[in-house]
């Protein structure tokens, strides 16, 4: 659980790869909800672990580079 402050919402998508709790609200309710639903808890952890690993795979890195190279100064025709 994280508060939706700073750049946290850019990394944590509420209900997908974590839970966002408003600052000052406390996380007890969110912790209880995850404790009572192990499947949901496991499902919110999966993308947090797998997505960054997938983004670092060479095929993914090369695809992203190929998509931006034409836009870089000095690389276009």
PDB file of N, CA and C in Angstrom:
ATOM      1  N   UNK A   1       0.823  -1.167   0.000  1.00  0.00           N
ATOM      2  CA  UNK A   1       0.000   0.000   0.000  1.00  0.00           C
ATOM      3  C   UNK A   1       0.873   1.237   0.000  1.00  0.00           C
ATOM      4  N   UNK A   2       0.470   2.213  -0.783  1.00  0.00           N
ATOM      5  CA  UNK A   2       1.196   3.460  -0.871  1.00  0.00           C
ATOM      6  C   UNK A   2       0.201   4.596  -0.961  1.00  0.00           C
ATOM      7  N   UNK A   3       0.643   5.747  -0.545  1.00  0.00           N
ATOM      8  CA  UNK A   3      -0.163   6.948  -0.656  1.00  0.00           C
ATOM      9  C   UNK A   3      -0.023   7.493  -2.073  1.00  0.00           C
ATOM     10  N   UNK A   4      -1.098   8.034  -2.651  1.00  0.00           N
ATOM     11  CA  UNK A   4      -0.995   8.583  -4.005  1.00  0.00           C
ATOM     12  C   UNK A   4      -0.285   9.937  -3.999  1.00  0.00           C
ATOM     13  N   UNK A   5       0.969   9.937  -3.637  1.00  0.00           N
ATOM     14  CA  UNK A   5       1.753  11.165  -3.573  1.00  0.00           C
ATOM     15  C   UNK A   5       2.984  11.020  -4.440  1.00  0.00           C
ATOM     16  N   UNK A   6       3.571  12.137  -4.789  1.00  0.00           N
ATOM     17  CA  UNK A   6       4.799  12.160  -5.576  1.00  0.00           C
ATOM     18  C   UNK A   6       4.577  11.379  -6.867  1.00  0.00           C
ATOM     19  N   UNK A   7       5.521  10.517  -7.232  1.00  0.00           N
ATOM     20  CA  UNK A   7       5.421   9.754  -8.477  1.00  0.00           C
ATOM     21  C   UNK A   7       4.860   8.353  -8.251  1.00  0.00           C
ATOM     22  N   UNK A   8       4.398   8.076  -7.056  1.00  0.00           N
ATOM     23  CA  UNK A   8       3.905   6.726  -6.747  1.00  0.00           C
ATOM     24  C   UNK A   8       2.785   6.296  -7.693  1.00  0.00           C
ATOM     25  N   UNK A   9       1.786   7.142  -8.003  1.00  0.00           N
ATOM     26  CA  UNK A   9       0.728   6.695  -8.920  1.00  0.00           C
ATOM     27  C   UNK A   9       1.223   6.375 -10.331  1.00  0.00           C
ATOM     28  N   UNK A  10       2.423   6.840 -10.680  1.00  0.00           N
ATOM     29  CA  UNK A  10       2.976   6.497 -11.990  1.00  0.00           C
ATOM     30  C   UNK A  10       3.494   5.062 -12.010  1.00  0.00           C
ATOM     31  N   UNK A  11       3.760   4.503 -10.835  1.00  0.00           N
ATOM     32  CA  UNK A  11       4.299   3.151 -10.733  1.00  0.00           C
ATOM     33  C   UNK A  11       3.248   2.175 -10.223  1.00  0.00           C
ATOM     34  N   UNK A  12       2.448   2.609  -9.265  1.00  0.00           N
ATOM     35  CA  UNK A  12       1.434   1.748  -8.654  1.00  0.00           C
ATOM     36  C   UNK A  12       0.066   2.122  -9.217  1.00  0.00           C
ATOM     37  N   UNK A  13      -0.557   1.168  -9.896  1.00  0.00           N
ATOM     38  CA  UNK A  13      -1.913   1.369 -10.405  1.00  0.00           C
ATOM     39  C   UNK A  13      -2.874   0.750  -9.397  1.00  0.00           C
ATOM     40  N   UNK A  14      -3.680   1.603  -8.789  1.00  0.00           N
ATOM     41  CA  UNK A  14      -4.556   1.173  -7.703  1.00  0.00           C
ATOM     42  C   UNK A  14      -5.418  -0.019  -8.110  1.00  0.00           C
ATOM     43  N   UNK A  15      -5.304  -1.085  -7.325  1.00  0.00           N
ATOM     44  CA  UNK A  15      -6.090  -2.295  -7.567  1.00  0.00           C
ATOM     45  C   UNK A  15      -5.505  -3.227  -8.604  1.00  0.00           C
ATOM     46  N   UNK A  16      -4.438  -2.803  -9.291  1.00  0.00           N
ATOM     47  CA  UNK A  16      -3.823  -3.652 -10.314  1.00  0.00           C
ATOM     48  C   UNK A  16      -2.517  -4.240  -9.796  1.00  0.00           C
ATOM     49  N   UNK A  17      -1.593  -3.382  -9.401  1.00  0.00           N
ATOM     50  CA  UNK A  17      -0.312  -3.867  -8.879  1.00  0.00           C
ATOM     51  C   UNK A  17      -0.031  -3.311  -7.491  1.00  0.00           C
ATOM     52  N   UNK A  18      -1.075  -2.937  -6.814  1.00  0.00           N
ATOM     53  CA  UNK A  18      -0.976  -2.431  -5.452  1.00  0.00           C
ATOM     54  C   UNK A  18      -2.246  -1.689  -5.078  1.00  0.00           C
ATOM     55  N   UNK A  19      -2.252  -1.143  -3.909  1.00  0.00           N
ATOM     56  CA  UNK A  19      -3.393  -0.347  -3.453  1.00  0.00           C
ATOM     57  C   UNK A  19      -2.885   1.021  -3.045  1.00  0.00           C
ATOM     58  N   UNK A  20      -3.592   2.049  -3.448  1.00  0.00           N
ATOM     59  CA  UNK A  20      -3.257   3.406  -3.038  1.00  0.00           C
ATOM     60  C   UNK A  20      -4.205   3.813  -1.913  1.00  0.00           C
ATOM     61  N   UNK A  21      -3.644   4.346  -0.863  1.00  0.00           N
ATOM     62  CA  UNK A  21      -4.416   4.779   0.293  1.00  0.00           C
ATOM     63  C   UNK A  21      -4.140   6.262   0.493  1.00  0.00           C
ATOM     64  N   UNK A  22      -5.176   7.053   0.625  1.00  0.00           N
ATOM     65  CA  UNK A  22      -5.005   8.493   0.803  1.00  0.00           C
ATOM     66  C   UNK A  22      -4.170   8.782   2.042  1.00  0.00           C
ATOM     67  N   UNK A  23      -3.279   9.751   1.919  1.00  0.00           N
ATOM     68  CA  UNK A  23      -2.435  10.137   3.046  1.00  0.00           C
ATOM     69  C   UNK A  23      -3.307  10.499   4.235  1.00  0.00           C
ATOM     70  N   UNK A  24      -2.944   9.993   5.386  1.00  0.00           N
ATOM     71  CA  UNK A  24      -3.687  10.278   6.612  1.00  0.00           C
ATOM     72  C   UNK A  24      -4.849   9.348   6.875  1.00  0.00           C
ATOM     73  N   UNK A  25      -5.235   8.526   5.884  1.00  0.00           N
ATOM     74  CA  UNK A  25      -6.365   7.612   6.075  1.00  0.00           C
ATOM     75  C   UNK A  25      -5.963   6.334   6.802  1.00  0.00           C
ATOM     76  N   UNK A  26      -4.682   6.039   6.831  1.00  0.00           N
ATOM     77  CA  UNK A  26      -4.249   4.779   7.421  1.00  0.00           C
ATOM     78  C   UNK A  26      -4.488   3.649   6.452  1.00  0.00           C
ATOM     79  N   UNK A  27      -3.726   2.610   6.589  1.00  0.00           N
ATOM     80  CA  UNK A  27      -3.801   1.504   5.643  1.00  0.00           C
ATOM     81  C   UNK A  27      -4.494   0.278   6.221  1.00  0.00           C
ATOM     82  N   UNK A  28      -5.041   0.379   7.416  1.00  0.00           N
ATOM     83  CA  UNK A  28      -5.626  -0.789   8.070  1.00  0.00           C
ATOM     84  C   UNK A  28      -6.705  -1.451   7.230  1.00  0.00           C
ATOM     85  N   UNK A  29      -7.579  -0.673   6.627  1.00  0.00           N
ATOM     86  CA  UNK A  29      -8.660  -1.239   5.815  1.00  0.00           C
ATOM     87  C   UNK A  29      -8.128  -1.981   4.599  1.00  0.00           C
ATOM     88  N   UNK A  30      -7.136  -1.394   3.942  1.00  0.00           N
ATOM     89  CA  UNK A  30      -6.560  -2.029   2.761  1.00  0.00           C
ATOM     90  C   UNK A  30      -5.804  -3.294   3.143  1.00  0.00           C
ATOM     91  N   UNK A  31      -5.080  -3.244   4.240  1.00  0.00           N
ATOM     92  CA  UNK A  31      -4.345  -4.433   4.704  1.00  0.00           C
ATOM     93  C   UNK A  31      -5.322  -5.547   5.050  1.00  0.00           C
ATOM     94  N   UNK A  32      -6.401  -5.183   5.712  1.00  0.00           N
ATOM     95  CA  UNK A  32      -7.413  -6.191   6.082  1.00  0.00           C
ATOM     96  C   UNK A  32      -8.040  -6.807   4.837  1.00  0.00           C
ATOM     97  N   UNK A  33      -8.365  -5.980   3.850  1.00  0.00           N
ATOM     98  CA  UNK A  33      -8.972  -6.482   2.615  1.00  0.00           C
ATOM     99  C   UNK A  33      -8.045  -7.482   1.926  1.00  0.00           C
ATOM    100  N   UNK A  34      -6.743  -7.184   1.880  1.00  0.00           N
ATOM    101  CA  UNK A  34      -5.796  -8.111   1.258  1.00  0.00           C
ATOM    102  C   UNK A  34      -5.620  -9.374   2.090  1.00  0.00           C
ATOM    103  N   UNK A  35      -5.626  -9.239   3.402  1.00  0.00           N
ATOM    104  CA  UNK A  35      -5.471 -10.404   4.278  1.00  0.00           C
ATOM    105  C   UNK A  35      -6.660 -11.349   4.144  1.00  0.00           C
ATOM    106  N   UNK A  36      -7.846 -10.799   3.914  1.00  0.00           N
ATOM    107  CA  UNK A  36      -9.046 -11.615   3.791  1.00  0.00           C
ATOM    108  C   UNK A  36      -9.230 -12.196   2.390  1.00  0.00           C
ATOM    109  N   UNK A  37      -8.448 -11.696   1.435  1.00  0.00           N
ATOM    110  CA  UNK A  37      -8.572 -12.168   0.050  1.00  0.00           C
ATOM    111  C   UNK A  37      -7.186 -12.491  -0.507  1.00  0.00           C
ATOM    112  N   UNK A  38      -6.641 -13.666  -0.169  1.00  0.00           N
ATOM    113  CA  UNK A  38      -5.292 -14.026  -0.617  1.00  0.00           C
ATOM    114  C   UNK A  38      -5.129 -14.025  -2.138  1.00  0.00           C
ATOM    115  N   UNK A  39      -6.192 -14.369  -2.865  1.00  0.00           N
ATOM    116  CA  UNK A  39      -6.095 -14.364  -4.326  1.00  0.00           C
ATOM    117  C   UNK A  39      -5.861 -12.946  -4.843  1.00  0.00           C
ATOM    118  N   UNK A  40      -6.579 -11.992  -4.286  1.00  0.00           N
ATOM    119  CA  UNK A  40      -6.391 -10.588  -4.691  1.00  0.00           C
ATOM    120  C   UNK A  40      -4.996 -10.117  -4.311  1.00  0.00           C
ATOM    121  N   UNK A  41      -4.542 -10.509  -3.149  1.00  0.00           N
ATOM    122  CA  UNK A  41      -3.207 -10.137  -2.705  1.00  0.00           C
ATOM    123  C   UNK A  41      -2.151 -10.661  -3.674  1.00  0.00           C
ATOM    124  N   UNK A  42      -2.272 -11.915  -4.052  1.00  0.00           N
ATOM    125  CA  UNK A  42      -1.318 -12.514  -4.993  1.00  0.00           C
ATOM    126  C   UNK A  42      -1.409 -11.844  -6.357  1.00  0.00           C
ATOM    127  N   UNK A  43      -2.613 -11.525  -6.791  1.00  0.00           N
ATOM    128  CA  UNK A  43      -2.806 -10.910  -8.104  1.00  0.00           C
ATOM    129  C   UNK A  43      -2.219  -9.503  -8.162  1.00  0.00           C
ATOM    130  N   UNK A  44      -2.266  -8.760  -7.066  1.00  0.00           N
ATOM    131  CA  UNK A  44      -1.695  -7.410  -7.092  1.00  0.00           C
ATOM    132  C   UNK A  44      -0.171  -7.440  -7.007  1.00  0.00           C
ATOM    133  N   UNK A  45       0.392  -8.533  -6.510  1.00  0.00           N
ATOM    134  CA  UNK A  45       1.858  -8.646  -6.456  1.00  0.00           C
ATOM    135  C   UNK A  45       2.446  -9.076  -7.789  1.00  0.00           C
ATOM    136  N   UNK A  46       1.715  -9.858  -8.557  1.00  0.00           N
ATOM    137  CA  UNK A  46       2.235 -10.421  -9.804  1.00  0.00           C
ATOM    138  C   UNK A  46       2.772  -9.358 -10.764  1.00  0.00           C
ATOM    139  N   UNK A  47       1.986  -8.344 -11.161  1.00  0.00           N
ATOM    140  CA  UNK A  47       2.529  -7.376 -12.124  1.00  0.00           C
ATOM    141  C   UNK A  47       3.674  -6.550 -11.548  1.00  0.00           C
ATOM    142  N   UNK A  48       3.676  -6.344 -10.256  1.00  0.00           N
ATOM    143  CA  UNK A  48       4.742  -5.568  -9.629  1.00  0.00           C
ATOM    144  C   UNK A  48       6.078  -6.253  -9.842  1.00  0.00           C
ATOM    145  N   UNK A  49       6.074  -7.558  -9.845  1.00  0.00           N
ATOM    146  CA  UNK A  49       7.307  -8.333 -10.009  1.00  0.00           C
ATOM    147  C   UNK A  49       7.593  -8.609 -11.484  1.00  0.00           C
ATOM    148  N   UNK A  50       6.581  -8.942 -12.254  1.00  0.00           N
ATOM    149  CA  UNK A  50       6.790  -9.399 -13.623  1.00  0.00           C
ATOM    150  C   UNK A  50       6.937  -8.274 -14.638  1.00  0.00           C
ATOM    151  N   UNK A  51       6.189  -7.192 -14.512  1.00  0.00           N
ATOM    152  CA  UNK A  51       6.233  -6.127 -15.512  1.00  0.00           C
ATOM    153  C   UNK A  51       7.615  -5.503 -15.654  1.00  0.00           C
ATOM    154  N   UNK A  52       8.291  -5.132 -14.559  1.00  0.00           N
ATOM    155  CA  UNK A  52       9.636  -4.572 -14.729  1.00  0.00           C
ATOM    156  C   UNK A  52      10.614  -5.563 -15.359  1.00  0.00           C
ATOM    157  N   UNK A  53      10.486  -6.837 -15.028  1.00  0.00           N
ATOM    158  CA  UNK A  53      11.364  -7.839 -15.632  1.00  0.00           C
ATOM    159  C   UNK A  53      11.119  -7.942 -17.127  1.00  0.00           C
ATOM    160  N   UNK A  54       9.863  -7.911 -17.525  1.00  0.00           N
ATOM    161  CA  UNK A  54       9.499  -7.996 -18.937  1.00  0.00           C
ATOM    162  C   UNK A  54      10.030  -6.774 -19.694  1.00  0.00           C
ATOM    163  N   UNK A  55       9.979  -5.599 -19.081  1.00  0.00           N
ATOM    164  CA  UNK A  55      10.463  -4.382 -19.737  1.00  0.00           C
ATOM    165  C   UNK A  55      11.967  -4.409 -19.963  1.00  0.00           C
ATOM    166  N   UNK A  56      12.690  -5.235 -19.209  1.00  0.00           N
ATOM    167  CA  UNK A  56      14.146  -5.310 -19.334  1.00  0.00           C
ATOM    168  C   UNK A  56      14.601  -6.404 -20.291  1.00  0.00           C
ATOM    169  N   UNK A  57      13.677  -7.206 -20.802  1.00  0.00           N
ATOM    170  CA  UNK A  57      14.055  -8.241 -21.756  1.00  0.00           C
ATOM    171  C   UNK A  57      14.570  -7.566 -23.026  1.00  0.00           C
ATOM    172  N   UNK A  58      15.587  -8.142 -23.642  1.00  0.00           N
ATOM    173  CA  UNK A  58      16.218  -7.524 -24.804  1.00  0.00           C
ATOM    174  C   UNK A  58      15.237  -7.222 -25.927  1.00  0.00           C
ATOM    175  N   UNK A  59      14.334  -8.135 -26.233  1.00  0.00           N
ATOM    176  CA  UNK A  59      13.369  -7.886 -27.308  1.00  0.00           C
ATOM    177  C   UNK A  59      12.542  -6.643 -27.026  1.00  0.00           C
ATOM    178  N   UNK A  60      12.140  -6.479 -25.783  1.00  0.00           N
ATOM    179  CA  UNK A  60      11.343  -5.319 -25.399  1.00  0.00           C
ATOM    180  C   UNK A  60      12.157  -4.035 -25.501  1.00  0.00           C
ATOM    181  N   UNK A  61      13.403  -4.077 -25.031  1.00  0.00           N
ATOM    182  CA  UNK A  61      14.274  -2.902 -25.094  1.00  0.00           C
ATOM    183  C   UNK A  61      14.521  -2.511 -26.546  1.00  0.00           C
ATOM    184  N   UNK A  62      14.838  -3.480 -27.398  1.00  0.00           N
ATOM    185  CA  UNK A  62      15.108  -3.194 -28.801  1.00  0.00           C
ATOM    186  C   UNK A  62      13.867  -2.640 -29.498  1.00  0.00           C
ATOM    187  N   UNK A  63      12.708  -3.173 -29.187  1.00  0.00           N
ATOM    188  CA  UNK A  63      11.471  -2.672 -29.793  1.00  0.00           C
ATOM    189  C   UNK A  63      11.235  -1.217 -29.436  1.00  0.00           C
ATOM    190  N   UNK A  64      11.446  -0.877 -28.169  1.00  0.00           N
ATOM    191  CA  UNK A  64      11.258   0.511 -27.749  1.00  0.00           C
ATOM    192  C   UNK A  64      12.277   1.429 -28.415  1.00  0.00           C
ATOM    193  N   UNK A  65      13.523   0.973 -28.507  1.00  0.00           N
ATOM    194  CA  UNK A  65      14.554   1.778 -29.166  1.00  0.00           C
ATOM    195  C   UNK A  65      14.213   2.000 -30.639  1.00  0.00           C
ATOM    196  N   UNK A  66      13.791   0.940 -31.317  1.00  0.00           N
ATOM    197  CA  UNK A  66      13.427   1.071 -32.725  1.00  0.00           C
ATOM    198  C   UNK A  66      12.270   2.036 -32.925  1.00  0.00           C
ATOM    199  N   UNK A  67      11.377   2.104 -31.956  1.00  0.00           N
ATOM    200  CA  UNK A  67      10.224   2.986 -32.101  1.00  0.00           C
ATOM    201  C   UNK A  67      10.585   4.455 -31.903  1.00  0.00           C
ATOM    202  N   UNK A  68      11.649   4.740 -31.156  1.00  0.00           N
ATOM    203  CA  UNK A  68      11.999   6.155 -30.918  1.00  0.00           C
ATOM    204  C   UNK A  68      13.155   6.641 -31.778  1.00  0.00           C
ATOM    205  N   UNK A  69      13.953   5.742 -32.340  1.00  0.00           N
ATOM    206  CA  UNK A  69      15.098   6.165 -33.144  1.00  0.00           C
ATOM    207  C   UNK A  69      14.740   7.123 -34.272  1.00  0.00           C
ATOM    208  N   UNK A  70      13.674   6.899 -35.020  1.00  0.00           N
ATOM    209  CA  UNK A  70      13.360   7.832 -36.103  1.00  0.00           C
ATOM    210  C   UNK A  70      13.072   9.260 -35.608  1.00  0.00           C
ATOM    211  N   UNK A  71      12.682   9.412 -34.372  1.00  0.00           N
ATOM    212  CA  UNK A  71      12.356  10.728 -33.830  1.00  0.00           C
ATOM    213  C   UNK A  71      13.553  11.475 -33.261  1.00  0.00           C
ATOM    214  N   UNK A  72      14.684  10.792 -33.111  1.00  0.00           N
ATOM    215  CA  UNK A  72      15.856  11.429 -32.533  1.00  0.00           C
ATOM    216  C   UNK A  72      16.557  12.295 -33.568  1.00  0.00           C
ATOM    217  N   UNK A  73      17.066  13.459 -33.163  1.00  0.00           N
ATOM    218  CA  UNK A  73      17.767  14.341 -34.096  1.00  0.00           C
ATOM    219  C   UNK A  73      18.965  13.624 -34.721  1.00  0.00           C
ATOM    220  N   UNK A  74      19.133  13.798 -36.034  1.00  0.00           N
ATOM    221  CA  UNK A  74      20.266  13.217 -36.722  1.00  0.00           C
ATOM    222  C   UNK A  74      20.104  11.768 -37.123  1.00  0.00           C
ATOM    223  N   UNK A  75      18.946  11.150 -36.804  1.00  0.00           N
ATOM    224  CA  UNK A  75      18.772   9.738 -37.162  1.00  0.00           C
ATOM    225  C   UNK A  75      17.711   9.548 -38.232  1.00  0.00           C
ATOM    226  N   UNK A  76      16.943  10.582 -38.523  1.00  0.00           N
ATOM    227  CA  UNK A  76      15.887  10.462 -39.537  1.00  0.00           C
ATOM    228  C   UNK A  76      16.440  10.717 -40.926  1.00  0.00           C
ATOM    229  N   UNK A  77      15.584  10.510 -41.882  1.00  0.00           N
ATOM    230  CA  UNK A  77      16.006  10.750 -43.280  1.00  0.00           C
ATOM    231  C   UNK A  77      15.663  12.147 -43.687  1.00  0.00           C
TER     232      UNK A  77
END
